[in-house]
PDB file of N, CA and C in Angstrom:
ATOM      1  N   UNK A   1      79.683   1.927  66.880  1.00  0.00           N
ATOM      2  CA  UNK A   1      78.647   1.438  67.763  1.00  0.00           C
ATOM      3  C   UNK A   1      77.888   0.324  67.051  1.00  0.00           C
ATOM      4  N   UNK A   2      77.658  -0.757  67.778  1.00  0.00           N
ATOM      5  CA  UNK A   2      76.883  -1.862  67.223  1.00  0.00           C
ATOM      6  C   UNK A   2      75.414  -1.670  67.578  1.00  0.00           C
ATOM      7  N   UNK A   3      74.557  -1.872  66.599  1.00  0.00           N
ATOM      8  CA  UNK A   3      73.123  -1.864  66.874  1.00  0.00           C
ATOM      9  C   UNK A   3      72.556  -3.205  66.431  1.00  0.00           C
ATOM     10  N   UNK A   4      71.512  -3.642  67.099  1.00  0.00           N
ATOM     11  CA  UNK A   4      70.872  -4.911  66.767  1.00  0.00           C
ATOM     12  C   UNK A   4      69.887  -4.668  65.648  1.00  0.00           C
ATOM     13  N   UNK A   5      70.033  -5.393  64.548  1.00  0.00           N
ATOM     14  CA  UNK A   5      69.134  -5.219  63.414  1.00  0.00           C
ATOM     15  C   UNK A   5      68.930  -6.546  62.716  1.00  0.00           C
ATOM     16  N   UNK A   6      67.771  -6.711  62.121  1.00  0.00           N
ATOM     17  CA  UNK A   6      67.478  -7.910  61.329  1.00  0.00           C
ATOM     18  C   UNK A   6      67.814  -7.603  59.882  1.00  0.00           C
ATOM     19  N   UNK A   7      68.526  -8.525  59.243  1.00  0.00           N
ATOM     20  CA  UNK A   7      68.823  -8.357  57.827  1.00  0.00           C
ATOM     21  C   UNK A   7      68.374  -9.606  57.090  1.00  0.00           C
ATOM     22  N   UNK A   8      68.055  -9.450  55.844  1.00  0.00           N
ATOM     23  CA  UNK A   8      67.746 -10.583  54.985  1.00  0.00           C
ATOM     24  C   UNK A   8      68.938 -10.822  54.079  1.00  0.00           C
ATOM     25  N   UNK A   9      69.356 -12.063  53.989  1.00  0.00           N
ATOM     26  CA  UNK A   9      70.502 -12.426  53.168  1.00  0.00           C
ATOM     27  C   UNK A   9      69.999 -12.681  51.757  1.00  0.00           C
ATOM     28  N   UNK A  10      70.558 -11.963  50.806  1.00  0.00           N
ATOM     29  CA  UNK A  10      70.098 -12.059  49.418  1.00  0.00           C
ATOM     30  C   UNK A  10      70.756 -13.208  48.669  1.00  0.00           C
ATOM     31  N   UNK A  11      71.918 -13.653  49.130  1.00  0.00           N
ATOM     32  CA  UNK A  11      72.616 -14.754  48.453  1.00  0.00           C
ATOM     33  C   UNK A  11      71.783 -16.020  48.542  1.00  0.00           C
ATOM     34  N   UNK A  12      71.599 -16.666  47.422  1.00  0.00           N
ATOM     35  CA  UNK A  12      70.870 -17.929  47.408  1.00  0.00           C
ATOM     36  C   UNK A  12      71.870 -19.076  47.429  1.00  0.00           C
ATOM     37  N   UNK A  13      71.607 -20.033  48.255  1.00  0.00           N
ATOM     38  CA  UNK A  13      72.465 -21.198  48.363  1.00  0.00           C
ATOM     39  C   UNK A  13      71.537 -22.404  48.419  1.00  0.00           C
ATOM     40  N   UNK A  14      71.504 -23.193  47.344  1.00  0.00           N
ATOM     41  CA  UNK A  14      70.564 -24.318  47.256  1.00  0.00           C
ATOM     42  C   UNK A  14      70.782 -25.319  48.377  1.00  0.00           C
ATOM     43  N   UNK A  15      72.045 -25.569  48.747  1.00  0.00           N
ATOM     44  CA  UNK A  15      72.313 -26.501  49.853  1.00  0.00           C
ATOM     45  C   UNK A  15      71.691 -25.987  51.143  1.00  0.00           C
ATOM     46  N   UNK A  16      71.843 -24.689  51.398  1.00  0.00           N
ATOM     47  CA  UNK A  16      71.268 -24.100  52.609  1.00  0.00           C
ATOM     48  C   UNK A  16      69.751 -24.202  52.567  1.00  0.00           C
ATOM     49  N   UNK A  17      69.156 -23.985  51.405  1.00  0.00           N
ATOM     50  CA  UNK A  17      67.698 -24.086  51.295  1.00  0.00           C
ATOM     51  C   UNK A  17      67.210 -25.491  51.620  1.00  0.00           C
ATOM     52  N   UNK A  18      67.864 -26.500  51.056  1.00  0.00           N
ATOM     53  CA  UNK A  18      67.465 -27.890  51.300  1.00  0.00           C
ATOM     54  C   UNK A  18      67.649 -28.243  52.777  1.00  0.00           C
ATOM     55  N   UNK A  19      68.799 -27.903  53.321  1.00  0.00           N
ATOM     56  CA  UNK A  19      69.073 -28.218  54.730  1.00  0.00           C
ATOM     57  C   UNK A  19      68.108 -27.464  55.634  1.00  0.00           C
ATOM     58  N   UNK A  20      67.837 -26.197  55.319  1.00  0.00           N
ATOM     59  CA  UNK A  20      66.918 -25.397  56.122  1.00  0.00           C
ATOM     60  C   UNK A  20      65.524 -26.010  56.139  1.00  0.00           C
ATOM     61  N   UNK A  21      65.017 -26.401  54.976  1.00  0.00           N
ATOM     62  CA  UNK A  21      63.686 -27.012  54.919  1.00  0.00           C
ATOM     63  C   UNK A  21      63.660 -28.310  55.721  1.00  0.00           C
ATOM     64  N   UNK A  22      64.708 -29.099  55.569  1.00  0.00           N
ATOM     65  CA  UNK A  22      64.774 -30.363  56.308  1.00  0.00           C
ATOM     66  C   UNK A  22      64.852 -30.128  57.810  1.00  0.00           C
ATOM     67  N   UNK A  23      65.716 -29.201  58.226  1.00  0.00           N
ATOM     68  CA  UNK A  23      65.847 -28.917  59.657  1.00  0.00           C
ATOM     69  C   UNK A  23      64.575 -28.313  60.242  1.00  0.00           C
ATOM     70  N   UNK A  24      63.906 -27.469  59.465  1.00  0.00           N
ATOM     71  CA  UNK A  24      62.650 -26.892  59.950  1.00  0.00           C
ATOM     72  C   UNK A  24      61.645 -27.998  60.231  1.00  0.00           C
ATOM     73  N   UNK A  25      61.522 -28.940  59.311  1.00  0.00           N
ATOM     74  CA  UNK A  25      60.609 -30.061  59.536  1.00  0.00           C
ATOM     75  C   UNK A  25      61.081 -30.940  60.684  1.00  0.00           C
ATOM     76  N   UNK A  26      62.386 -31.195  60.741  1.00  0.00           N
ATOM     77  CA  UNK A  26      62.944 -32.063  61.780  1.00  0.00           C
ATOM     78  C   UNK A  26      62.776 -31.454  63.170  1.00  0.00           C
ATOM     79  N   UNK A  27      63.078 -30.169  63.299  1.00  0.00           N
ATOM     80  CA  UNK A  27      63.047 -29.518  64.604  1.00  0.00           C
ATOM     81  C   UNK A  27      61.642 -29.096  65.020  1.00  0.00           C
ATOM     82  N   UNK A  28      60.818 -28.807  64.047  1.00  0.00           N
ATOM     83  CA  UNK A  28      59.620 -28.049  64.357  1.00  0.00           C
ATOM     84  C   UNK A  28      58.361 -28.602  63.712  1.00  0.00           C
ATOM     85  N   UNK A  29      58.462 -29.086  62.503  1.00  0.00           N
ATOM     86  CA  UNK A  29      57.284 -29.376  61.695  1.00  0.00           C
ATOM     87  C   UNK A  29      56.414 -30.514  62.165  1.00  0.00           C
ATOM     88  N   UNK A  30      57.003 -31.526  62.764  1.00  0.00           N
ATOM     89  CA  UNK A  30      56.216 -32.708  63.086  1.00  0.00           C
ATOM     90  C   UNK A  30      56.154 -32.989  64.574  1.00  0.00           C
ATOM     91  N   UNK A  31      56.445 -32.013  65.368  1.00  0.00           N
ATOM     92  CA  UNK A  31      56.405 -32.189  66.816  1.00  0.00           C
ATOM     93  C   UNK A  31      55.079 -31.734  67.383  1.00  0.00           C
ATOM     94  N   UNK A  32      55.102 -31.232  68.579  1.00  0.00           N
ATOM     95  CA  UNK A  32      53.880 -30.805  69.260  1.00  0.00           C
ATOM     96  C   UNK A  32      53.142 -29.670  68.555  1.00  0.00           C
ATOM     97  N   UNK A  33      53.803 -28.996  67.614  1.00  0.00           N
ATOM     98  CA  UNK A  33      53.145 -27.877  66.936  1.00  0.00           C
ATOM     99  C   UNK A  33      51.876 -28.321  66.213  1.00  0.00           C
ATOM    100  N   UNK A  34      51.856 -29.537  65.680  1.00  0.00           N
ATOM    101  CA  UNK A  34      50.647 -30.024  65.009  1.00  0.00           C
ATOM    102  C   UNK A  34      49.479 -30.110  65.982  1.00  0.00           C
ATOM    103  N   UNK A  35      49.731 -30.641  67.181  1.00  0.00           N
ATOM    104  CA  UNK A  35      48.678 -30.728  68.198  1.00  0.00           C
ATOM    105  C   UNK A  35      48.228 -29.341  68.640  1.00  0.00           C
ATOM    106  N   UNK A  36      49.182 -28.434  68.798  1.00  0.00           N
ATOM    107  CA  UNK A  36      48.868 -27.069  69.235  1.00  0.00           C
ATOM    108  C   UNK A  36      48.023 -26.362  68.178  1.00  0.00           C
ATOM    109  N   UNK A  37      48.398 -26.503  66.913  1.00  0.00           N
ATOM    110  CA  UNK A  37      47.625 -25.869  65.836  1.00  0.00           C
ATOM    111  C   UNK A  37      46.199 -26.395  65.802  1.00  0.00           C
ATOM    112  N   UNK A  38      46.062 -27.700  65.963  1.00  0.00           N
ATOM    113  CA  UNK A  38      44.726 -28.301  65.962  1.00  0.00           C
ATOM    114  C   UNK A  38      43.933 -27.848  67.191  1.00  0.00           C
ATOM    115  N   UNK A  39      44.553 -27.882  68.354  1.00  0.00           N
ATOM    116  CA  UNK A  39      43.879 -27.532  69.609  1.00  0.00           C
ATOM    117  C   UNK A  39      43.363 -26.097  69.601  1.00  0.00           C
ATOM    118  N   UNK A  40      44.172 -25.165  69.074  1.00  0.00           N
ATOM    119  CA  UNK A  40      43.803 -23.754  69.130  1.00  0.00           C
ATOM    120  C   UNK A  40      43.275 -23.214  67.802  1.00  0.00           C
ATOM    121  N   UNK A  41      43.050 -24.108  66.844  1.00  0.00           N
ATOM    122  CA  UNK A  41      42.462 -23.696  65.576  1.00  0.00           C
ATOM    123  C   UNK A  41      43.340 -22.740  64.778  1.00  0.00           C
ATOM    124  N   UNK A  42      44.632 -22.931  64.818  1.00  0.00           N
ATOM    125  CA  UNK A  42      45.543 -22.079  64.058  1.00  0.00           C
ATOM    126  C   UNK A  42      45.381 -22.416  62.574  1.00  0.00           C
ATOM    127  N   UNK A  43      45.155 -21.392  61.785  1.00  0.00           N
ATOM    128  CA  UNK A  43      44.878 -21.590  60.359  1.00  0.00           C
ATOM    129  C   UNK A  43      46.131 -22.050  59.619  1.00  0.00           C
ATOM    130  N   UNK A  44      45.910 -22.606  58.425  1.00  0.00           N
ATOM    131  CA  UNK A  44      47.028 -23.014  57.578  1.00  0.00           C
ATOM    132  C   UNK A  44      47.907 -21.821  57.213  1.00  0.00           C
ATOM    133  N   UNK A  45      47.285 -20.665  56.992  1.00  0.00           N
ATOM    134  CA  UNK A  45      48.055 -19.461  56.659  1.00  0.00           C
ATOM    135  C   UNK A  45      48.952 -19.045  57.822  1.00  0.00           C
ATOM    136  N   UNK A  46      48.413 -19.069  59.041  1.00  0.00           N
ATOM    137  CA  UNK A  46      49.236 -18.723  60.207  1.00  0.00           C
ATOM    138  C   UNK A  46      50.328 -19.764  60.437  1.00  0.00           C
ATOM    139  N   UNK A  47      50.022 -21.003  60.180  1.00  0.00           N
ATOM    140  CA  UNK A  47      51.034 -22.058  60.310  1.00  0.00           C
ATOM    141  C   UNK A  47      52.157 -21.844  59.301  1.00  0.00           C
ATOM    142  N   UNK A  48      51.799 -21.429  58.089  1.00  0.00           N
ATOM    143  CA  UNK A  48      52.822 -21.135  57.085  1.00  0.00           C
ATOM    144  C   UNK A  48      53.725 -19.992  57.545  1.00  0.00           C
ATOM    145  N   UNK A  49      53.138 -18.991  58.207  1.00  0.00           N
ATOM    146  CA  UNK A  49      53.934 -17.877  58.738  1.00  0.00           C
ATOM    147  C   UNK A  49      54.904 -18.376  59.806  1.00  0.00           C
ATOM    148  N   UNK A  50      54.437 -19.250  60.680  1.00  0.00           N
ATOM    149  CA  UNK A  50      55.304 -19.818  61.712  1.00  0.00           C
ATOM    150  C   UNK A  50      56.437 -20.630  61.088  1.00  0.00           C
ATOM    151  N   UNK A  51      56.094 -21.463  60.110  1.00  0.00           N
ATOM    152  CA  UNK A  51      57.102 -22.280  59.429  1.00  0.00           C
ATOM    153  C   UNK A  51      58.129 -21.400  58.715  1.00  0.00           C
ATOM    154  N   UNK A  52      57.664 -20.358  58.043  1.00  0.00           N
ATOM    155  CA  UNK A  52      58.549 -19.459  57.305  1.00  0.00           C
ATOM    156  C   UNK A  52      59.484 -18.726  58.259  1.00  0.00           C
ATOM    157  N   UNK A  53      58.951 -18.242  59.370  1.00  0.00           N
ATOM    158  CA  UNK A  53      59.774 -17.563  60.374  1.00  0.00           C
ATOM    159  C   UNK A  53      60.872 -18.499  60.883  1.00  0.00           C
ATOM    160  N   UNK A  54      60.492 -19.722  61.212  1.00  0.00           N
ATOM    161  CA  UNK A  54      61.450 -20.704  61.717  1.00  0.00           C
ATOM    162  C   UNK A  54      62.509 -21.012  60.663  1.00  0.00           C
ATOM    163  N   UNK A  55      62.084 -21.250  59.433  1.00  0.00           N
ATOM    164  CA  UNK A  55      63.017 -21.568  58.354  1.00  0.00           C
ATOM    165  C   UNK A  55      63.971 -20.406  58.081  1.00  0.00           C
ATOM    166  N   UNK A  56      63.461 -19.176  58.086  1.00  0.00           N
ATOM    167  CA  UNK A  56      64.316 -18.018  57.846  1.00  0.00           C
ATOM    168  C   UNK A  56      65.402 -17.908  58.910  1.00  0.00           C
ATOM    169  N   UNK A  57      65.044 -18.163  60.164  1.00  0.00           N
ATOM    170  CA  UNK A  57      66.022 -18.091  61.251  1.00  0.00           C
ATOM    171  C   UNK A  57      67.062 -19.204  61.130  1.00  0.00           C
ATOM    172  N   UNK A  58      66.612 -20.406  60.828  1.00  0.00           N
ATOM    173  CA  UNK A  58      67.547 -21.526  60.662  1.00  0.00           C
ATOM    174  C   UNK A  58      68.484 -21.239  59.489  1.00  0.00           C
ATOM    175  N   UNK A  59      67.928 -20.772  58.368  1.00  0.00           N
ATOM    176  CA  UNK A  59      68.742 -20.456  57.198  1.00  0.00           C
ATOM    177  C   UNK A  59      69.780 -19.385  57.500  1.00  0.00           C
ATOM    178  N   UNK A  60      69.402 -18.394  58.267  1.00  0.00           N
ATOM    179  CA  UNK A  60      70.345 -17.345  58.640  1.00  0.00           C
ATOM    180  C   UNK A  60      71.499 -17.883  59.468  1.00  0.00           C
ATOM    181  N   UNK A  61      71.191 -18.734  60.431  1.00  0.00           N
ATOM    182  CA  UNK A  61      72.242 -19.344  61.259  1.00  0.00           C
ATOM    183  C   UNK A  61      73.166 -20.195  60.384  1.00  0.00           C
ATOM    184  N   UNK A  62      72.582 -20.963  59.464  1.00  0.00           N
ATOM    185  CA  UNK A  62      73.402 -21.790  58.572  1.00  0.00           C
ATOM    186  C   UNK A  62      74.328 -20.931  57.709  1.00  0.00           C
ATOM    187  N   UNK A  63      73.817 -19.826  57.185  1.00  0.00           N
ATOM    188  CA  UNK A  63      74.655 -18.948  56.372  1.00  0.00           C
ATOM    189  C   UNK A  63      75.784 -18.353  57.205  1.00  0.00           C
ATOM    190  N   UNK A  64      75.494 -17.966  58.441  1.00  0.00           N
ATOM    191  CA  UNK A  64      76.551 -17.453  59.321  1.00  0.00           C
ATOM    192  C   UNK A  64      77.587 -18.537  59.596  1.00  0.00           C
ATOM    193  N   UNK A  65      77.121 -19.753  59.817  1.00  0.00           N
ATOM    194  CA  UNK A  65      78.029 -20.860  60.088  1.00  0.00           C
ATOM    195  C   UNK A  65      78.932 -21.130  58.881  1.00  0.00           C
ATOM    196  N   UNK A  66      78.330 -21.179  57.695  1.00  0.00           N
ATOM    197  CA  UNK A  66      79.117 -21.450  56.486  1.00  0.00           C
ATOM    198  C   UNK A  66      80.138 -20.354  56.208  1.00  0.00           C
ATOM    199  N   UNK A  67      79.784 -19.113  56.560  1.00  0.00           N
ATOM    200  CA  UNK A  67      80.722 -18.012  56.338  1.00  0.00           C
ATOM    201  C   UNK A  67      81.706 -17.865  57.497  1.00  0.00           C
ATOM    202  N   UNK A  68      81.597 -18.776  58.466  1.00  0.00           N
ATOM    203  CA  UNK A  68      82.467 -18.780  59.641  1.00  0.00           C
ATOM    204  C   UNK A  68      82.393 -17.464  60.416  1.00  0.00           C
ATOM    205  N   UNK A  69      81.201 -16.876  60.447  1.00  0.00           N
ATOM    206  CA  UNK A  69      80.994 -15.615  61.152  1.00  0.00           C
ATOM    207  C   UNK A  69      80.606 -15.913  62.601  1.00  0.00           C
ATOM    208  N   UNK A  70      81.578 -16.382  63.337  1.00  0.00           N
ATOM    209  CA  UNK A  70      81.344 -16.821  64.716  1.00  0.00           C
ATOM    210  C   UNK A  70      80.936 -15.664  65.616  1.00  0.00           C
ATOM    211  N   UNK A  71      81.434 -14.467  65.359  1.00  0.00           N
ATOM    212  CA  UNK A  71      81.076 -13.341  66.228  1.00  0.00           C
ATOM    213  C   UNK A  71      79.587 -13.025  66.121  1.00  0.00           C
ATOM    214  N   UNK A  72      79.000 -13.127  64.928  1.00  0.00           N
ATOM    215  CA  UNK A  72      77.551 -12.892  64.792  1.00  0.00           C
ATOM    216  C   UNK A  72      76.757 -14.012  65.463  1.00  0.00           C
ATOM    217  N   UNK A  73      77.239 -15.238  65.333  1.00  0.00           N
ATOM    218  CA  UNK A  73      76.571 -16.351  66.017  1.00  0.00           C
ATOM    219  C   UNK A  73      76.636 -16.134  67.523  1.00  0.00           C
ATOM    220  N   UNK A  74      77.788 -15.715  68.029  1.00  0.00           N
ATOM    221  CA  UNK A  74      77.922 -15.433  69.461  1.00  0.00           C
ATOM    222  C   UNK A  74      76.987 -14.312  69.904  1.00  0.00           C
ATOM    223  N   UNK A  75      76.830 -13.275  69.057  1.00  0.00           N
ATOM    224  CA  UNK A  75      75.887 -12.199  69.377  1.00  0.00           C
ATOM    225  C   UNK A  75      74.479 -12.757  69.577  1.00  0.00           C
ATOM    226  N   UNK A  76      74.069 -13.641  68.674  1.00  0.00           N
ATOM    227  CA  UNK A  76      72.729 -14.237  68.759  1.00  0.00           C
ATOM    228  C   UNK A  76      72.603 -15.084  70.020  1.00  0.00           C
ATOM    229  N   UNK A  77      73.619 -15.894  70.279  1.00  0.00           N
ATOM    230  CA  UNK A  77      73.597 -16.740  71.477  1.00  0.00           C
ATOM    231  C   UNK A  77      73.493 -15.875  72.726  1.00  0.00           C
ATOM    232  N   UNK A  78      74.288 -14.830  72.795  1.00  0.00           N
ATOM    233  CA  UNK A  78      74.270 -13.971  73.980  1.00  0.00           C
ATOM    234  C   UNK A  78      72.945 -13.241  74.145  1.00  0.00           C
ATOM    235  N   UNK A  79      72.364 -12.784  73.044  1.00  0.00           N
ATOM    236  CA  UNK A  79      71.090 -12.055  73.136  1.00  0.00           C
ATOM    237  C   UNK A  79      69.936 -12.971  73.552  1.00  0.00           C
ATOM    238  N   UNK A  80      69.930 -14.199  73.041  1.00  0.00           N
ATOM    239  CA  UNK A  80      68.791 -15.084  73.271  1.00  0.00           C
ATOM    240  C   UNK A  80      69.032 -16.141  74.332  1.00  0.00           C
ATOM    241  N   UNK A  81      70.135 -16.073  75.044  1.00  0.00           N
ATOM    242  CA  UNK A  81      70.392 -16.993  76.149  1.00  0.00           C
ATOM    243  C   UNK A  81      69.658 -16.469  77.380  1.00  0.00           C
ATOM    244  N   UNK A  82      68.352 -16.582  77.312  1.00  0.00           N
ATOM    245  CA  UNK A  82      67.473 -16.028  78.342  1.00  0.00           C
ATOM    246  C   UNK A  82      67.157 -17.125  79.353  1.00  0.00           C
ATOM    247  N   UNK A  83      67.244 -16.788  80.600  1.00  0.00           N
ATOM    248  CA  UNK A  83      66.957 -17.758  81.647  1.00  0.00           C
ATOM    249  C   UNK A  83      65.447 -17.836  81.869  1.00  0.00           C
ATOM    250  N   UNK A  84      64.821 -18.742  81.157  1.00  0.00           N
ATOM    251  CA  UNK A  84      63.393 -18.967  81.355  1.00  0.00           C
ATOM    252  C   UNK A  84      63.198 -20.391  81.852  1.00  0.00           C
ATOM    253  N   UNK A  85      62.387 -20.525  82.831  1.00  0.00           N
ATOM    254  CA  UNK A  85      62.237 -21.825  83.477  1.00  0.00           C
ATOM    255  C   UNK A  85      61.566 -22.866  82.594  1.00  0.00           C
ATOM    256  N   UNK A  86      60.952 -22.456  81.496  1.00  0.00           N
ATOM    257  CA  UNK A  86      60.297 -23.442  80.630  1.00  0.00           C
ATOM    258  C   UNK A  86      61.308 -24.281  79.858  1.00  0.00           C
ATOM    259  N   UNK A  87      62.571 -23.869  79.841  1.00  0.00           N
ATOM    260  CA  UNK A  87      63.581 -24.602  79.087  1.00  0.00           C
ATOM    261  C   UNK A  87      64.619 -25.224  80.009  1.00  0.00           C
ATOM    262  N   UNK A  88      64.190 -25.788  81.091  1.00  0.00           N
ATOM    263  CA  UNK A  88      65.104 -26.488  81.995  1.00  0.00           C
ATOM    264  C   UNK A  88      65.332 -27.910  81.518  1.00  0.00           C
ATOM    265  N   UNK A  89      66.416 -28.493  81.951  1.00  0.00           N
ATOM    266  CA  UNK A  89      66.731 -29.897  81.704  1.00  0.00           C
ATOM    267  C   UNK A  89      66.696 -30.265  80.231  1.00  0.00           C
ATOM    268  N   UNK A  90      67.501 -29.581  79.441  1.00  0.00           N
ATOM    269  CA  UNK A  90      67.618 -29.886  78.018  1.00  0.00           C
ATOM    270  C   UNK A  90      68.214 -31.283  77.863  1.00  0.00           C
ATOM    271  N   UNK A  91      67.591 -32.096  77.048  1.00  0.00           N
ATOM    272  CA  UNK A  91      68.071 -33.449  76.776  1.00  0.00           C
ATOM    273  C   UNK A  91      68.364 -33.559  75.286  1.00  0.00           C
ATOM    274  N   UNK A  92      69.637 -33.387  74.895  1.00  0.00           N
ATOM    275  CA  UNK A  92      69.959 -33.454  73.463  1.00  0.00           C
ATOM    276  C   UNK A  92      69.442 -34.744  72.841  1.00  0.00           C
ATOM    277  N   UNK A  93      68.922 -34.603  71.635  1.00  0.00           N
ATOM    278  CA  UNK A  93      68.282 -35.729  70.969  1.00  0.00           C
ATOM    279  C   UNK A  93      68.645 -35.670  69.496  1.00  0.00           C
ATOM    280  N   UNK A  94      68.785 -36.820  68.911  1.00  0.00           N
ATOM    281  CA  UNK A  94      69.070 -36.910  67.480  1.00  0.00           C
ATOM    282  C   UNK A  94      68.304 -38.094  66.917  1.00  0.00           C
ATOM    283  N   UNK A  95      68.028 -38.026  65.655  1.00  0.00           N
ATOM    284  CA  UNK A  95      67.271 -39.080  65.000  1.00  0.00           C
ATOM    285  C   UNK A  95      67.978 -39.407  63.697  1.00  0.00           C
ATOM    286  N   UNK A  96      67.968 -40.642  63.303  1.00  0.00           N
ATOM    287  CA  UNK A  96      68.568 -41.003  62.033  1.00  0.00           C
ATOM    288  C   UNK A  96      68.868 -42.484  61.989  1.00  0.00           C
ATOM    289  N   UNK A  97      69.459 -42.898  60.896  1.00  0.00           N
ATOM    290  CA  UNK A  97      69.801 -44.296  60.719  1.00  0.00           C
ATOM    291  C   UNK A  97      70.970 -44.659  61.601  1.00  0.00           C
ATOM    292  N   UNK A  98      70.952 -45.866  62.139  1.00  0.00           N
ATOM    293  CA  UNK A  98      72.062 -46.366  62.931  1.00  0.00           C
ATOM    294  C   UNK A  98      72.424 -47.758  62.430  1.00  0.00           C
ATOM    295  N   UNK A  99      73.645 -48.142  62.647  1.00  0.00           N
ATOM    296  CA  UNK A  99      74.075 -49.504  62.333  1.00  0.00           C
ATOM    297  C   UNK A  99      73.561 -50.418  63.434  1.00  0.00           C
ATOM    298  N   UNK A 100      72.955 -51.490  63.044  1.00  0.00           N
ATOM    299  CA  UNK A 100      72.418 -52.427  64.036  1.00  0.00           C
ATOM    300  C   UNK A 100      72.872 -53.825  63.665  1.00  0.00           C
ATOM    301  N   UNK A 101      73.537 -54.462  64.585  1.00  0.00           N
ATOM    302  CA  UNK A 101      73.971 -55.838  64.361  1.00  0.00           C
ATOM    303  C   UNK A 101      72.798 -56.785  64.590  1.00  0.00           C
ATOM    304  N   UNK A 102      72.531 -57.590  63.613  1.00  0.00           N
ATOM    305  CA  UNK A 102      71.397 -58.527  63.728  1.00  0.00           C
ATOM    306  C   UNK A 102      71.906 -59.867  64.156  1.00  0.00           C
TER     307      UNK A 102
END
C-alpha cells in the first residue's frame, strides 16, 4: 500500500543547491511576493520560512528528476493538479540572454 508522506533527502548535491537557490529566486523571490510581504507586513523571519519551503520543494523535485524517478514526479503532479480557477490561462515564460543581431 502506498501512503503519502513527506521525506527529507539527506544526500547533499552542490549543483542541486545552487540551482535550487537560483530557481527559488527566479520563480518566487523577486516577483509579487515582495509587494505582498510589504503590503501585509510579513516579517523577514516569515519570509525566510516561505523561501525555505519553496526551495526545499524545488530541491526535492530536482533530486527526483536527477534520479530519473518519474513515478514519484507523476505522483506529485497527480496530487497537486488541482482545478482552481486562480490558475487559468498559464502563459509559459522564460528569461535569459538571447542572441540579438545589431
